[in-house]
């Protein structure tokens, strides 16, 4: 469970960084950060599914 919480925290931080990059006109950087955020959330969700089974 701690790993899942950590992934959620990472995703939240990445979201903040993405917004900051986008606000400052760094569109490509924001896109790449967004991809990492989506991946972190996906991994956390997959771990949650695995723990339920």
PDB file of N, CA and C in Angstrom:
ATOM      1  N   UNK A   1       0.811  -1.200   0.000  1.00  0.00           N
ATOM      2  CA  UNK A   1       0.000   0.000   0.000  1.00  0.00           C
ATOM      3  C   UNK A   1       0.855   1.264   0.000  1.00  0.00           C
ATOM      4  N   UNK A   2       2.003   1.204   0.652  1.00  0.00           N
ATOM      5  CA  UNK A   2       2.864   2.381   0.700  1.00  0.00           C
ATOM      6  C   UNK A   2       3.363   2.751  -0.700  1.00  0.00           C
ATOM      7  N   UNK A   3       3.652   1.757  -1.516  1.00  0.00           N
ATOM      8  CA  UNK A   3       4.116   2.025  -2.881  1.00  0.00           C
ATOM      9  C   UNK A   3       3.024   2.707  -3.700  1.00  0.00           C
ATOM     10  N   UNK A   4       1.784   2.286  -3.489  1.00  0.00           N
ATOM     11  CA  UNK A   4       0.666   2.891  -4.213  1.00  0.00           C
ATOM     12  C   UNK A   4       0.495   4.339  -3.783  1.00  0.00           C
ATOM     13  N   UNK A   5       0.581   4.582  -2.488  1.00  0.00           N
ATOM     14  CA  UNK A   5       0.487   5.967  -1.991  1.00  0.00           C
ATOM     15  C   UNK A   5       1.588   6.826  -2.567  1.00  0.00           C
ATOM     16  N   UNK A   6       2.774   6.262  -2.658  1.00  0.00           N
ATOM     17  CA  UNK A   6       3.915   7.001  -3.210  1.00  0.00           C
ATOM     18  C   UNK A   6       3.685   7.333  -4.683  1.00  0.00           C
ATOM     19  N   UNK A   7       3.150   6.380  -5.439  1.00  0.00           N
ATOM     20  CA  UNK A   7       2.848   6.636  -6.851  1.00  0.00           C
ATOM     21  C   UNK A   7       1.798   7.737  -6.989  1.00  0.00           C
ATOM     22  N   UNK A   8       0.810   7.729  -6.109  1.00  0.00           N
ATOM     23  CA  UNK A   8      -0.201   8.790  -6.131  1.00  0.00           C
ATOM     24  C   UNK A   8       0.430  10.155  -5.850  1.00  0.00           C
ATOM     25  N   UNK A   9       1.359  10.200  -4.895  1.00  0.00           N
ATOM     26  CA  UNK A   9       2.053  11.453  -4.582  1.00  0.00           C
ATOM     27  C   UNK A   9       2.889  11.924  -5.773  1.00  0.00           C
ATOM     28  N   UNK A  10       3.562  11.004  -6.408  1.00  0.00           N
ATOM     29  CA  UNK A  10       4.370  11.343  -7.581  1.00  0.00           C
ATOM     30  C   UNK A  10       3.476  11.902  -8.685  1.00  0.00           C
ATOM     31  N   UNK A  11       2.336  11.265  -8.905  1.00  0.00           N
ATOM     32  CA  UNK A  11       1.409  11.730  -9.937  1.00  0.00           C
ATOM     33  C   UNK A  11       0.919  13.143  -9.633  1.00  0.00           C
ATOM     34  N   UNK A  12       0.629  13.428  -8.377  1.00  0.00           N
ATOM     35  CA  UNK A  12       0.188  14.775  -7.998  1.00  0.00           C
ATOM     36  C   UNK A  12       1.285  15.806  -8.252  1.00  0.00           C
ATOM     37  N   UNK A  13       2.510  15.457  -7.902  1.00  0.00           N
ATOM     38  CA  UNK A  13       3.632  16.386  -8.135  1.00  0.00           C
ATOM     39  C   UNK A  13       3.869  16.601  -9.621  1.00  0.00           C
ATOM     40  N   UNK A  14       3.757  15.531 -10.380  1.00  0.00           N
ATOM     41  CA  UNK A  14       3.913  15.658 -11.830  1.00  0.00           C
ATOM     42  C   UNK A  14       2.827  16.544 -12.425  1.00  0.00           C
ATOM     43  N   UNK A  15       1.626  16.427 -11.910  1.00  0.00           N
ATOM     44  CA  UNK A  15       0.539  17.270 -12.410  1.00  0.00           C
ATOM     45  C   UNK A  15       0.852  18.741 -12.148  1.00  0.00           C
ATOM     46  N   UNK A  16       1.364  19.051 -10.961  1.00  0.00           N
ATOM     47  CA  UNK A  16       1.735  20.430 -10.640  1.00  0.00           C
ATOM     48  C   UNK A  16       2.848  20.932 -11.560  1.00  0.00           C
ATOM     49  N   UNK A  17       3.843  20.087 -11.797  1.00  0.00           N
ATOM     50  CA  UNK A  17       4.934  20.460 -12.693  1.00  0.00           C
ATOM     51  C   UNK A  17       4.437  20.679 -14.116  1.00  0.00           C
ATOM     52  N   UNK A  18       3.500  19.825 -14.552  1.00  0.00           N
ATOM     53  CA  UNK A  18       2.948  19.961 -15.890  1.00  0.00           C
ATOM     54  C   UNK A  18       2.244  21.303 -16.038  1.00  0.00           C
ATOM     55  N   UNK A  19       1.444  21.663 -15.048  1.00  0.00           N
ATOM     56  CA  UNK A  19       0.734  22.944 -15.094  1.00  0.00           C
ATOM     57  C   UNK A  19       1.707  24.115 -15.108  1.00  0.00           C
ATOM     58  N   UNK A  20       2.765  24.023 -14.314  1.00  0.00           N
ATOM     59  CA  UNK A  20       3.774  25.072 -14.278  1.00  0.00           C
ATOM     60  C   UNK A  20       4.467  25.208 -15.636  1.00  0.00           C
ATOM     61  N   UNK A  21       4.848  24.078 -16.215  1.00  0.00           N
ATOM     62  CA  UNK A  21       5.503  24.116 -17.528  1.00  0.00           C
ATOM     63  C   UNK A  21       4.571  24.695 -18.583  1.00  0.00           C
ATOM     64  N   UNK A  22       3.314  24.286 -18.550  1.00  0.00           N
ATOM     65  CA  UNK A  22       2.339  24.778 -19.531  1.00  0.00           C
ATOM     66  C   UNK A  22       2.098  26.270 -19.362  1.00  0.00           C
ATOM     67  N   UNK A  23       1.998  26.721 -18.122  1.00  0.00           N
ATOM     68  CA  UNK A  23       1.785  28.150 -17.856  1.00  0.00           C
ATOM     69  C   UNK A  23       2.940  29.005 -18.358  1.00  0.00           C
ATOM     70  N   UNK A  24       4.127  28.408 -18.412  1.00  0.00           N
ATOM     71  CA  UNK A  24       5.313  29.145 -18.850  1.00  0.00           C
ATOM     72  C   UNK A  24       5.652  28.906 -20.317  1.00  0.00           C
ATOM     73  N   UNK A  25       4.707  28.338 -21.054  1.00  0.00           N
ATOM     74  CA  UNK A  25       4.882  28.179 -22.493  1.00  0.00           C
ATOM     75  C   UNK A  25       5.713  26.992 -22.931  1.00  0.00           C
ATOM     76  N   UNK A  26       5.998  26.081 -22.034  1.00  0.00           N
ATOM     77  CA  UNK A  26       6.805  24.899 -22.373  1.00  0.00           C
ATOM     78  C   UNK A  26       5.863  23.729 -22.686  1.00  0.00           C
ATOM     79  N   UNK A  27       5.231  23.821 -23.840  1.00  0.00           N
ATOM     80  CA  UNK A  27       4.188  22.867 -24.207  1.00  0.00           C
ATOM     81  C   UNK A  27       4.706  21.437 -24.332  1.00  0.00           C
ATOM     82  N   UNK A  28       5.827  21.244 -24.993  1.00  0.00           N
ATOM     83  CA  UNK A  28       6.365  19.898 -25.159  1.00  0.00           C
ATOM     84  C   UNK A  28       6.749  19.301 -23.806  1.00  0.00           C
ATOM     85  N   UNK A  29       7.391  20.083 -22.971  1.00  0.00           N
ATOM     86  CA  UNK A  29       7.755  19.610 -21.641  1.00  0.00           C
ATOM     87  C   UNK A  29       6.498  19.239 -20.848  1.00  0.00           C
ATOM     88  N   UNK A  30       5.469  20.063 -20.934  1.00  0.00           N
ATOM     89  CA  UNK A  30       4.212  19.779 -20.240  1.00  0.00           C
ATOM     90  C   UNK A  30       3.617  18.466 -20.740  1.00  0.00           C
ATOM     91  N   UNK A  31       3.670  18.243 -22.046  1.00  0.00           N
ATOM     92  CA  UNK A  31       3.155  17.004 -22.630  1.00  0.00           C
ATOM     93  C   UNK A  31       3.911  15.789 -22.103  1.00  0.00           C
ATOM     94  N   UNK A  32       5.238  15.871 -22.055  1.00  0.00           N
ATOM     95  CA  UNK A  32       6.045  14.759 -21.570  1.00  0.00           C
ATOM     96  C   UNK A  32       5.795  14.482 -20.092  1.00  0.00           C
ATOM     97  N   UNK A  33       5.673  15.540 -19.309  1.00  0.00           N
ATOM     98  CA  UNK A  33       5.371  15.372 -17.890  1.00  0.00           C
ATOM     99  C   UNK A  33       3.997  14.738 -17.723  1.00  0.00           C
ATOM    100  N   UNK A  34       3.049  15.158 -18.549  1.00  0.00           N
ATOM    101  CA  UNK A  34       1.709  14.579 -18.492  1.00  0.00           C
ATOM    102  C   UNK A  34       1.746  13.075 -18.786  1.00  0.00           C
ATOM    103  N   UNK A  35       2.561  12.682 -19.745  1.00  0.00           N
ATOM    104  CA  UNK A  35       2.690  11.252 -20.056  1.00  0.00           C
ATOM    105  C   UNK A  35       3.215  10.479 -18.844  1.00  0.00           C
ATOM    106  N   UNK A  36       4.172  11.040 -18.137  1.00  0.00           N
ATOM    107  CA  UNK A  36       4.712  10.389 -16.944  1.00  0.00           C
ATOM    108  C   UNK A  36       3.657  10.317 -15.841  1.00  0.00           C
ATOM    109  N   UNK A  37       2.860  11.371 -15.710  1.00  0.00           N
ATOM    110  CA  UNK A  37       1.790  11.372 -14.703  1.00  0.00           C
ATOM    111  C   UNK A  37       0.767  10.285 -14.998  1.00  0.00           C
ATOM    112  N   UNK A  38       0.362  10.191 -16.254  1.00  0.00           N
ATOM    113  CA  UNK A  38      -0.617   9.175 -16.649  1.00  0.00           C
ATOM    114  C   UNK A  38      -0.066   7.777 -16.365  1.00  0.00           C
ATOM    115  N   UNK A  39       1.196   7.573 -16.657  1.00  0.00           N
ATOM    116  CA  UNK A  39       1.819   6.265 -16.406  1.00  0.00           C
ATOM    117  C   UNK A  39       1.857   5.949 -14.911  1.00  0.00           C
ATOM    118  N   UNK A  40       2.194   6.924 -14.083  1.00  0.00           N
ATOM    119  CA  UNK A  40       2.227   6.707 -12.631  1.00  0.00           C
ATOM    120  C   UNK A  40       0.842   6.341 -12.114  1.00  0.00           C
ATOM    121  N   UNK A  41      -0.181   7.030 -12.585  1.00  0.00           N
ATOM    122  CA  UNK A  41      -1.553   6.717 -12.162  1.00  0.00           C
ATOM    123  C   UNK A  41      -1.968   5.319 -12.635  1.00  0.00           C
ATOM    124  N   UNK A  42      -1.581   4.968 -13.859  1.00  0.00           N
ATOM    125  CA  UNK A  42      -1.901   3.645 -14.397  1.00  0.00           C
ATOM    126  C   UNK A  42      -1.259   2.539 -13.543  1.00  0.00           C
ATOM    127  N   UNK A  43       0.014   2.707 -13.222  1.00  0.00           N
ATOM    128  CA  UNK A  43       0.718   1.708 -12.419  1.00  0.00           C
ATOM    129  C   UNK A  43       0.070   1.585 -11.043  1.00  0.00           C
ATOM    130  N   UNK A  44      -0.276   2.707 -10.438  1.00  0.00           N
ATOM    131  CA  UNK A  44      -0.942   2.669  -9.129  1.00  0.00           C
ATOM    132  C   UNK A  44      -2.277   1.939  -9.225  1.00  0.00           C
ATOM    133  N   UNK A  45      -3.041   2.223 -10.256  1.00  0.00           N
ATOM    134  CA  UNK A  45      -4.333   1.552 -10.442  1.00  0.00           C
ATOM    135  C   UNK A  45      -4.162   0.049 -10.654  1.00  0.00           C
ATOM    136  N   UNK A  46      -3.161  -0.331 -11.429  1.00  0.00           N
ATOM    137  CA  UNK A  46      -2.906  -1.756 -11.655  1.00  0.00           C
ATOM    138  C   UNK A  46      -2.518  -2.457 -10.355  1.00  0.00           C
ATOM    139  N   UNK A  47      -1.734  -1.806  -9.522  1.00  0.00           N
ATOM    140  CA  UNK A  47      -1.363  -2.383  -8.228  1.00  0.00           C
ATOM    141  C   UNK A  47      -2.606  -2.536  -7.350  1.00  0.00           C
ATOM    142  N   UNK A  48      -3.493  -1.550  -7.375  1.00  0.00           N
ATOM    143  CA  UNK A  48      -4.729  -1.644  -6.600  1.00  0.00           C
ATOM    144  C   UNK A  48      -5.567  -2.844  -7.052  1.00  0.00           C
ATOM    145  N   UNK A  49      -5.682  -3.029  -8.359  1.00  0.00           N
ATOM    146  CA  UNK A  49      -6.444  -4.160  -8.902  1.00  0.00           C
ATOM    147  C   UNK A  49      -5.824  -5.475  -8.456  1.00  0.00           C
ATOM    148  N   UNK A  50      -4.494  -5.529  -8.501  1.00  0.00           N
ATOM    149  CA  UNK A  50      -3.796  -6.748  -8.112  1.00  0.00           C
ATOM    150  C   UNK A  50      -4.019  -7.074  -6.637  1.00  0.00           C
ATOM    151  N   UNK A  51      -4.054  -6.049  -5.797  1.00  0.00           N
ATOM    152  CA  UNK A  51      -4.264  -6.277  -4.358  1.00  0.00           C
ATOM    153  C   UNK A  51      -5.683  -6.743  -4.064  1.00  0.00           C
ATOM    154  N   UNK A  52      -6.642  -6.337  -4.870  1.00  0.00           N
ATOM    155  CA  UNK A  52      -8.029  -6.745  -4.664  1.00  0.00           C
ATOM    156  C   UNK A  52      -8.236  -8.219  -4.996  1.00  0.00           C
ATOM    157  N   UNK A  53      -7.423  -8.746  -5.911  1.00  0.00           N
ATOM    158  CA  UNK A  53      -7.596 -10.140  -6.350  1.00  0.00           C
ATOM    159  C   UNK A  53      -6.816 -11.090  -5.524  1.00  0.00           C
TER     160      UNK A  53
END
